[in-house]
Amino acid sequence: MDITTGLQLLEALRRADQAETNLTASSRAAHRAVQAAADALTDITHCEQQLDAARADEQVRAAADLLERARQTYIDSGRRRRSAENKVHRAYAAARAANRELGSLYAPVARGRGTGGRGRAAVAASVLQELAAMPLELIRAADALAIHSSAGKDSLAMLDQLAAWADQAGCTDKVIVVHCDLGDTSEWPGVRELAERQAARYGLRFIAIDSEGGLLGLTEKRGKFPDAARRLCTSSLKRDKANVLLTAIVTALGLDRQAVVINCLGIRAAESPARARKLPLAIDTRTSNSKRLVLTWHPILEWSETAVWEQIATEGLEYHPAYDALMPRLSCVFCVLAGYSVLVRAVRLCWALKLPLPEKYTELEARIGHRFKDQYSLADIVAEAARVEADEGPLTWSCGDAIRAHLGEAAAADYALRRFALAA
């Protein structure tokens, strides 16, 4: 399959999915309208009974008024029901047309492939898998690539890989490195500056999106901390703001056709069961529309953590010193998804760096009356960190400890030499 055909199929898949979603929504709306009409008819019967039972003039007038309102509600609900039913008919026709269009586009390339009888989902998976296996063609076909960088190890490895592919494809001008800056009350010092230096190494355009208040501000505004089920820190502080930038990017392109934009994320399947279920390439139905086809690309989805560190060490890539303090991820200082021992280490690292964040967060926790996690509070974490410090002393680390921990002493020594050579 050539890249042009593949992208046409993805857009047809998007339209078919959207049409199916519209049909489902209109069917539910029609069901609600029918139920409202039935409820209004029940109200009319009840009001008629009240009117028949009324004796005093005042009771008769009141019952008559209620009956009139019930009859008007029934008339209005009937109009809504007919309108909803018409929308269902139109949505059904649109869904049928979208599926026929998809079928006619897929038929020429389907011969000998098969879909395992799973319909549209199988077609989507097949097309996406095939396009993900041709990274250079994908980059050339895109109008813009947004590499979302946290400045962490996985973002860094992804950036290095994509920069190499974009260079081979002759398309580095299409690439934008996007960093959502959560501020000094959420992130470790120097994260934004590091993300910018990482992009500058490849001569790529860099855009930082500021998030007012960060995790601390979001929690104070809501009166509770996010959790694994309600990761509002990701949606509100990162995704929603990045989508505003996406609109600006497409507008700046000034195309008279649908733009193809690829959002690149450095997630790995080994990180969690949820991420293991993701595909290397997916259609972002939330942000795609007639003006833009947005794809989400996970270029290092199948990489192991060791492979990430090998890439960093081999290429002499600059990573954040929090990793040398053996923090496993460069997330928020106090990430709601982090485990107990990681949070204890984060508190100790804050103390070593003389950051006031443990005090800020525990004070907020006490003020809003909501625990950081159901199982334990941040105050519990701070108390445990103090106990560990009393036993072990202050947290210490050395440059290259992350490489040393993952790849060994020889790799750490080689990495130091590469960093020195790059700085010279």
Protein backbone atom coordinates (compact mmCIF):
# COMPACT_ATOMS: atom_id res chain seq x y z
CA MET A 1 0.00 0.00 0.00
CA ASP A 2 1.37 3.43 -0.89
CA ILE A 3 1.26 6.25 1.65
CA THR A 4 -1.32 8.30 -0.26
CA THR A 5 -3.77 5.42 -0.38
CA GLY A 6 -3.12 4.69 3.27
CA LEU A 7 -3.91 8.24 4.35
CA GLN A 8 -7.04 8.30 2.20
CA LEU A 9 -8.17 5.12 3.93
CA LEU A 10 -7.49 6.62 7.35
CA GLU A 11 -9.60 9.66 6.52
CA ALA A 12 -12.38 7.39 5.23
CA LEU A 13 -12.13 5.40 8.45
CA ARG A 14 -12.35 8.61 10.47
CA ARG A 15 -15.46 9.74 8.60
CA ALA A 16 -17.08 6.32 9.00
CA ASP A 17 -16.36 6.30 12.73
CA GLN A 18 -17.67 9.85 13.08
CA ALA A 19 -20.83 8.93 11.17
CA GLU A 20 -21.32 5.92 13.42
CA THR A 21 -20.84 8.09 16.50
CA ASN A 22 -23.37 10.61 15.17
CA LEU A 23 -25.86 7.81 14.50
CA THR A 24 -25.49 6.48 18.04
CA ALA A 25 -25.89 9.95 19.53
CA SER A 26 -28.96 10.76 17.41
CA SER A 27 -30.54 7.39 18.26
CA ARG A 28 -30.10 8.09 21.97
CA ALA A 29 -31.54 11.58 21.53
CA ALA A 30 -34.55 10.10 19.72
CA HIS A 31 -35.06 7.59 22.52
CA ARG A 32 -35.02 10.40 25.09
CA ALA A 33 -37.51 12.40 22.99
CA VAL A 34 -39.90 9.42 22.76
CA GLN A 35 -39.64 8.91 26.51
CA ALA A 36 -40.31 12.61 27.13
CA ALA A 37 -43.43 12.44 24.97
CA ALA A 38 -44.64 9.37 26.87
CA ASP A 39 -44.01 11.11 30.19
CA ALA A 40 -45.92 14.18 28.98
CA LEU A 41 -48.89 11.98 27.98
CA THR A 42 -48.87 10.43 31.45
CA ASP A 43 -48.90 13.93 32.95
CA ILE A 44 -51.92 14.85 30.83
CA THR A 45 -53.87 11.84 32.12
CA HIS A 46 -52.95 12.73 35.70
CA CYS A 47 -53.99 16.38 35.21
CA GLU A 48 -57.30 15.32 33.66
CA GLN A 49 -57.98 13.17 36.72
CA GLN A 50 -57.19 16.10 38.99
CA LEU A 51 -59.55 18.33 37.00
CA ASP A 52 -62.38 15.79 37.24
CA ALA A 53 -61.87 15.56 40.98
CA ALA A 54 -61.75 19.34 41.54
CA ARG A 55 -64.75 20.90 43.27
CA ALA A 56 -63.96 24.49 44.27
CA ASP A 57 -63.52 27.11 41.54
CA GLU A 58 -59.94 27.75 42.63
CA GLN A 59 -59.09 24.04 42.39
CA VAL A 60 -60.69 23.83 38.95
CA ARG A 61 -58.68 26.78 37.65
CA ALA A 62 -55.42 25.38 39.06
CA ALA A 63 -56.09 21.94 37.60
CA ALA A 64 -57.05 23.47 34.24
CA ASP A 65 -53.78 25.46 34.16
CA LEU A 66 -51.76 22.32 34.92
CA LEU A 67 -53.59 20.43 32.19
CA GLU A 68 -52.91 23.19 29.65
CA ARG A 69 -49.21 23.19 30.50
CA ALA A 70 -49.07 19.39 30.26
CA ARG A 71 -50.74 19.48 26.82
CA GLN A 72 -48.26 22.14 25.62
CA THR A 73 -45.36 20.05 26.92
CA TYR A 74 -46.72 17.07 24.99
CA ILE A 75 -46.96 19.16 21.80
CA ASP A 76 -43.38 20.42 22.28
CA SER A 77 -42.07 16.95 23.02
CA GLY A 78 -43.77 15.67 19.88
CA ARG A 79 -41.93 18.27 17.81
CA ARG A 80 -38.63 17.26 19.44
CA ARG A 81 -39.39 13.60 18.81
CA ARG A 82 -40.09 14.17 15.11
CA SER A 83 -36.95 16.30 14.78
CA ALA A 84 -34.89 13.62 16.54
CA GLU A 85 -36.31 10.88 14.35
CA ASN A 86 -35.44 12.89 11.23
CA LYS A 87 -31.88 13.27 12.53
CA VAL A 88 -31.68 9.50 13.01
CA HIS A 89 -32.72 8.95 9.39
CA ARG A 90 -30.13 11.45 8.16
CA ALA A 91 -27.41 10.00 10.41
CA TYR A 92 -28.22 6.48 9.22
CA ALA A 93 -27.95 7.56 5.59
CA ALA A 94 -24.65 9.33 6.29
CA ALA A 95 -23.24 6.30 8.10
CA ARG A 96 -24.26 3.98 5.28
CA ALA A 97 -22.67 6.31 2.70
CA ALA A 98 -19.44 6.61 4.75
CA ASN A 99 -19.17 2.85 5.10
CA ARG A 100 -19.77 2.35 1.39
CA GLU A 101 -17.07 4.90 0.59
CA LEU A 102 -14.67 3.12 2.92
CA GLY A 103 -15.50 -0.22 1.36
CA SER A 104 -14.88 1.05 -2.18
CA LEU A 105 -11.54 2.55 -1.15
CA TYR A 106 -10.41 -0.55 0.71
CA ALA A 107 -11.55 -3.11 -1.89
CA PRO A 108 -8.59 -2.58 -4.30
CA VAL A 109 -6.02 -3.10 -1.53
CA ALA A 110 -7.94 -5.77 0.40
CA ARG A 111 -7.32 -8.61 -2.02
CA GLY A 112 -5.31 -11.29 -0.31
CA ARG A 113 -5.24 -9.42 2.98
CA GLY A 114 -8.49 -10.25 4.71
CA THR A 115 -9.81 -8.66 7.86
CA GLY A 116 -10.54 -11.71 9.97
CA GLY A 117 -14.22 -10.90 9.82
CA ARG A 118 -13.81 -8.01 12.26
CA GLY A 119 -14.95 -5.24 9.96
CA ARG A 120 -13.86 -1.63 10.27
CA ALA A 121 -11.70 -2.10 13.38
CA ALA A 122 -9.64 -4.77 11.63
CA VAL A 123 -9.27 -2.58 8.53
CA ALA A 124 -8.07 0.32 10.69
CA ALA A 125 -5.56 -1.84 12.55
CA SER A 126 -4.21 -3.27 9.31
CA VAL A 127 -3.78 0.12 7.62
CA LEU A 128 -2.27 1.78 10.69
CA GLN A 129 0.19 -1.05 11.23
CA GLU A 130 1.32 -0.87 7.61
CA LEU A 131 1.81 2.91 7.70
CA ALA A 132 3.71 2.74 11.00
CA ALA A 133 6.20 0.44 9.30
CA MET A 134 7.13 3.14 6.75
CA PRO A 135 8.35 6.03 8.94
CA LEU A 136 10.14 8.01 6.22
CA GLU A 137 7.13 7.95 3.91
CA LEU A 138 4.88 8.90 6.82
CA ILE A 139 7.05 11.90 7.67
CA ARG A 140 7.21 13.03 4.05
CA ALA A 141 3.41 12.80 3.70
CA ALA A 142 2.73 14.78 6.88
CA ASP A 143 2.30 18.54 6.79
CA ALA A 144 3.54 18.90 10.37
CA LEU A 145 5.03 16.71 13.08
CA ALA A 146 4.60 17.75 16.70
CA ILE A 147 7.04 15.91 18.96
CA HIS A 148 5.71 16.18 22.50
CA SER A 149 8.66 16.30 24.85
CA SER A 150 8.68 16.17 28.63
CA ALA A 151 12.51 16.27 28.43
CA GLY A 152 12.42 12.82 30.06
CA LYS A 153 14.36 9.76 28.94
CA ASP A 154 11.62 8.32 26.69
CA SER A 155 10.90 11.68 25.05
CA LEU A 156 14.63 12.08 24.51
CA ALA A 157 15.06 8.68 22.85
CA MET A 158 12.01 9.32 20.68
CA LEU A 159 13.30 12.76 19.71
CA ASP A 160 16.66 11.32 18.67
CA GLN A 161 14.99 8.64 16.55
CA LEU A 162 12.52 11.02 14.89
CA ALA A 163 15.18 13.65 14.24
CA ALA A 164 17.22 11.03 12.41
CA TRP A 165 14.23 9.93 10.34
CA ALA A 166 13.20 13.51 9.55
CA ASP A 167 16.75 14.26 8.43
CA GLN A 168 16.77 11.19 6.17
CA ALA A 169 13.41 12.23 4.76
CA GLY A 170 14.61 15.81 4.21
CA CYS A 171 11.74 17.13 6.33
CA THR A 172 13.25 18.65 9.48
CA ASP A 173 11.44 21.90 8.65
CA LYS A 174 8.13 20.15 9.38
CA VAL A 175 9.11 19.20 12.92
CA ILE A 176 8.09 21.15 16.02
CA VAL A 177 9.17 20.08 19.49
CA VAL A 178 6.40 20.92 21.96
CA HIS A 179 6.97 21.10 25.70
CA CYS A 180 4.14 21.69 28.19
CA ASP A 181 5.76 23.64 31.02
CA LEU A 182 4.00 22.89 34.30
CA GLY A 183 6.08 25.40 36.25
CA ASP A 184 8.39 25.25 39.25
CA THR A 185 5.66 24.05 41.61
CA SER A 186 5.22 20.86 39.57
CA GLU A 187 8.46 19.98 37.79
CA TRP A 188 12.09 19.55 38.70
CA PRO A 189 14.31 22.60 38.11
CA GLY A 190 15.63 23.10 34.59
CA VAL A 191 13.19 20.85 32.73
CA ARG A 192 12.01 23.48 30.26
CA GLU A 193 15.56 24.65 29.50
CA LEU A 194 16.66 21.04 29.02
CA ALA A 195 13.81 20.32 26.59
CA GLU A 196 14.87 23.37 24.57
CA ARG A 197 18.52 22.27 24.50
CA GLN A 198 17.49 18.77 23.43
CA ALA A 199 15.57 20.24 20.48
CA ALA A 200 18.39 22.64 19.63
CA ARG A 201 20.83 19.75 19.26
CA TYR A 202 18.97 18.81 16.05
CA GLY A 203 18.19 22.36 14.94
CA LEU A 204 14.47 21.83 15.48
CA ARG A 205 11.87 24.47 16.22
CA PHE A 206 10.87 24.53 19.90
CA ILE A 207 7.63 25.77 21.45
CA ALA A 208 6.90 25.79 25.18
CA ILE A 209 3.30 25.97 26.36
CA ASP A 210 2.85 27.51 29.78
CA SER A 211 0.40 25.96 32.20
CA GLU A 212 -0.75 28.44 34.80
CA GLY A 213 -0.42 27.05 38.30
CA GLY A 214 0.61 23.53 37.32
CA LEU A 215 -0.47 20.56 39.41
CA LEU A 216 -0.51 22.62 42.60
CA GLY A 217 -2.84 25.23 41.07
CA LEU A 218 -5.10 22.60 39.49
CA THR A 219 -5.45 20.78 42.81
CA GLU A 220 -6.19 23.97 44.72
CA LYS A 221 -8.81 24.98 42.16
CA ARG A 222 -10.57 21.59 42.26
CA GLY A 223 -10.14 21.04 45.98
CA LYS A 224 -8.79 17.55 45.37
CA PHE A 225 -5.81 15.80 43.81
CA PRO A 226 -6.12 13.99 40.46
CA ASP A 227 -5.87 10.21 40.47
CA ALA A 228 -5.32 7.33 38.05
CA ALA A 229 -9.01 7.31 37.05
CA ARG A 230 -9.23 11.11 36.66
CA ARG A 231 -5.90 12.23 35.26
CA LEU A 232 -6.95 15.84 34.87
CA CYS A 233 -3.31 16.89 35.15
CA THR A 234 -2.74 15.27 31.73
CA SER A 235 -5.94 16.47 30.08
CA SER A 236 -6.14 20.00 31.50
CA LEU A 237 -2.47 20.91 31.79
CA LYS A 238 -1.13 19.19 28.69
CA ARG A 239 -3.54 17.78 26.12
CA ASP A 240 -6.07 20.62 26.05
CA LYS A 241 -3.37 23.27 25.76
CA ALA A 242 -1.50 21.31 23.10
CA ASN A 243 -4.73 21.09 21.07
CA VAL A 244 -4.92 24.90 20.98
CA LEU A 245 -1.41 24.91 19.52
CA LEU A 246 -2.47 22.26 17.01
CA THR A 247 -5.18 24.58 15.70
CA ALA A 248 -2.63 27.39 15.35
CA ILE A 249 -0.23 25.10 13.46
CA VAL A 250 -2.91 24.06 10.97
CA THR A 251 -4.05 27.66 10.49
CA ALA A 252 -0.47 28.77 9.84
CA LEU A 253 -0.08 26.13 7.14
CA GLY A 254 -2.78 27.91 5.12
CA LEU A 255 -3.68 24.83 3.10
CA ASP A 256 -6.75 24.60 0.86
CA ARG A 257 -7.05 20.91 1.70
CA GLN A 258 -7.14 18.77 4.81
CA ALA A 259 -3.83 18.94 6.67
CA VAL A 260 -2.10 15.80 7.94
CA VAL A 261 -0.62 16.36 11.39
CA ILE A 262 1.21 13.75 13.43
CA ASN A 263 1.45 14.01 17.20
CA CYS A 264 4.46 12.01 18.41
CA LEU A 265 4.47 10.66 21.96
CA GLY A 266 7.30 8.83 23.71
CA ILE A 267 5.30 6.18 25.51
CA ARG A 268 6.35 2.54 25.80
CA ALA A 269 4.25 -0.62 26.05
CA ALA A 270 6.32 -1.90 28.99
CA GLU A 271 5.25 1.03 31.17
CA SER A 272 1.71 -0.17 31.89
CA PRO A 273 -0.98 -2.61 30.70
CA ALA A 274 -2.97 0.32 29.27
CA ARG A 275 -0.01 1.43 27.16
CA ALA A 276 0.68 -2.13 26.09
CA ARG A 277 -2.74 -2.16 24.41
CA LYS A 278 -1.95 0.87 22.26
CA LEU A 279 -1.01 0.72 18.58
CA PRO A 280 2.16 2.31 17.20
CA LEU A 281 -0.06 4.57 15.08
CA ALA A 282 -3.64 5.67 15.74
CA ILE A 283 -6.23 8.14 14.46
CA ASP A 284 -6.90 10.92 16.96
CA THR A 285 -10.66 11.08 16.49
CA ARG A 286 -10.97 13.66 19.28
CA THR A 287 -9.08 16.38 17.39
CA SER A 288 -9.41 15.30 13.76
CA ASN A 289 -11.98 17.02 11.56
CA SER A 290 -12.52 18.05 7.95
CA LYS A 291 -9.61 20.52 8.20
CA ARG A 292 -7.06 18.18 9.73
CA LEU A 293 -6.38 14.48 9.98
CA VAL A 294 -4.48 14.04 13.24
CA LEU A 295 -2.53 10.86 13.85
CA THR A 296 -0.91 9.83 17.11
CA TRP A 297 2.44 8.11 16.64
CA HIS A 298 4.30 6.11 19.29
CA PRO A 299 7.67 5.53 17.60
CA ILE A 300 9.34 3.78 20.56
CA LEU A 301 6.30 1.83 21.78
CA GLU A 302 8.12 -1.51 21.64
CA TRP A 303 11.40 -0.27 23.12
CA SER A 304 12.56 -1.57 26.48
CA GLU A 305 13.86 0.73 29.20
CA THR A 306 17.33 -0.70 28.59
CA ALA A 307 17.07 0.16 24.90
CA VAL A 308 16.18 3.75 25.82
CA TRP A 309 19.24 4.10 28.05
CA GLU A 310 21.45 2.45 25.43
CA GLN A 311 20.31 5.04 22.90
CA ILE A 312 21.03 7.87 25.35
CA ALA A 313 24.44 6.47 26.22
CA THR A 314 25.49 5.63 22.66
CA GLU A 315 24.53 9.05 21.29
CA GLY A 316 25.73 11.00 24.33
CA LEU A 317 22.30 12.60 24.82
CA GLU A 318 21.81 15.05 27.68
CA TYR A 319 19.33 13.85 30.28
CA HIS A 320 18.03 15.43 33.47
CA PRO A 321 20.13 14.92 36.64
CA ALA A 322 17.04 13.71 38.51
CA TYR A 323 17.71 10.38 36.79
CA ASP A 324 21.16 10.26 38.39
CA ALA A 325 19.37 10.55 41.73
CA LEU A 326 17.61 7.37 40.51
CA MET A 327 14.20 8.88 39.94
CA PRO A 328 12.61 6.47 37.43
CA ARG A 329 10.64 9.13 35.50
CA LEU A 330 10.85 12.86 34.85
CA SER A 331 7.21 13.46 35.68
CA CYS A 332 5.78 15.93 38.15
CA VAL A 333 7.84 16.02 41.34
CA PHE A 334 4.87 14.45 43.15
CA CYS A 335 3.17 12.38 40.48
CA VAL A 336 -0.18 10.88 41.47
CA LEU A 337 0.78 7.71 39.56
CA ALA A 338 4.12 7.23 41.32
CA GLY A 339 4.63 4.47 43.87
CA TYR A 340 5.30 4.95 47.57
CA SER A 341 9.08 4.46 47.43
CA VAL A 342 9.41 6.82 44.45
CA LEU A 343 7.50 9.54 46.28
CA VAL A 344 9.70 9.08 49.35
CA ARG A 345 12.76 9.50 47.16
CA ALA A 346 11.20 12.59 45.54
CA VAL A 347 10.83 14.21 48.95
CA ARG A 348 14.46 13.44 49.77
CA LEU A 349 15.59 14.85 46.41
CA CYS A 350 13.62 18.04 47.12
CA TRP A 351 15.45 18.38 50.42
CA ALA A 352 18.81 17.78 48.74
CA LEU A 353 18.02 20.49 46.17
CA LYS A 354 16.54 22.78 48.84
CA LEU A 355 13.16 22.87 47.11
CA PRO A 356 10.19 23.91 49.28
CA LEU A 357 7.73 21.63 47.47
CA PRO A 358 7.14 19.04 50.23
CA GLU A 359 6.00 21.80 52.57
CA LYS A 360 3.86 23.44 49.87
CA TYR A 361 2.07 20.20 49.00
CA THR A 362 1.51 18.99 52.55
CA GLU A 363 0.15 22.42 53.49
CA LEU A 364 -2.23 22.28 50.50
CA GLU A 365 -3.25 18.74 51.41
CA ALA A 366 -4.15 19.84 54.94
CA ARG A 367 -5.93 22.97 53.74
CA ILE A 368 -8.24 21.27 51.23
CA GLY A 369 -8.78 18.20 53.38
CA HIS A 370 -8.06 15.76 50.56
CA ARG A 371 -5.36 13.08 50.72
CA PHE A 372 -2.79 12.84 47.95
CA LYS A 373 -3.76 9.16 47.54
CA ASP A 374 -6.48 7.05 49.10
CA GLN A 375 -3.88 4.73 50.65
CA TYR A 376 -1.67 7.41 52.19
CA SER A 377 -1.15 11.13 52.47
CA LEU A 378 1.79 13.26 51.43
CA ALA A 379 2.31 13.93 55.11
CA ASP A 380 2.87 10.17 55.52
CA ILE A 381 5.38 10.27 52.67
CA VAL A 382 7.28 13.17 54.22
CA ALA A 383 7.39 11.38 57.58
CA GLU A 384 8.80 8.24 55.95
CA ALA A 385 11.38 10.31 54.05
CA ALA A 386 12.49 11.86 57.33
CA ARG A 387 12.86 8.38 58.86
CA VAL A 388 14.97 7.19 55.91
CA GLU A 389 17.13 10.31 56.10
CA ALA A 390 17.74 9.68 59.80
CA ASP A 391 18.92 6.15 58.97
CA GLU A 392 20.84 6.79 55.74
CA GLY A 393 21.68 10.48 55.76
CA PRO A 394 20.92 12.98 52.97
CA LEU A 395 20.40 11.72 49.43
CA THR A 396 23.54 11.87 47.26
CA TRP A 397 24.31 11.00 43.66
CA SER A 398 26.96 11.45 40.98
CA CYS A 399 26.82 12.43 37.32
CA GLY A 400 26.30 9.31 35.24
CA ASP A 401 24.66 7.25 37.99
CA ALA A 402 21.62 6.62 35.79
CA ILE A 403 23.78 5.11 33.02
CA ARG A 404 25.76 3.22 35.64
CA ALA A 405 22.61 1.77 37.21
CA HIS A 406 21.12 0.62 33.91
CA LEU A 407 24.12 -0.25 31.75
CA GLY A 408 27.12 -0.61 34.02
CA GLU A 409 30.34 1.21 34.88
CA ALA A 410 31.94 0.91 31.43
CA ALA A 411 28.92 2.47 29.72
CA ALA A 412 28.92 5.32 32.24
CA ALA A 413 32.60 6.01 31.53
CA ASP A 414 32.02 5.96 27.75
CA TYR A 415 29.03 8.28 28.16
CA ALA A 416 31.12 10.77 30.13
CA LEU A 417 33.71 10.81 27.34
CA ARG A 418 31.03 11.40 24.69
CA ARG A 419 29.51 14.27 26.68
CA PHE A 420 32.97 15.79 27.10
CA ALA A 421 33.68 15.50 23.37
CA LEU A 422 30.35 17.12 22.50
CA ALA A 423 31.02 20.00 24.89
CA ALA A 424 34.49 20.63 23.49
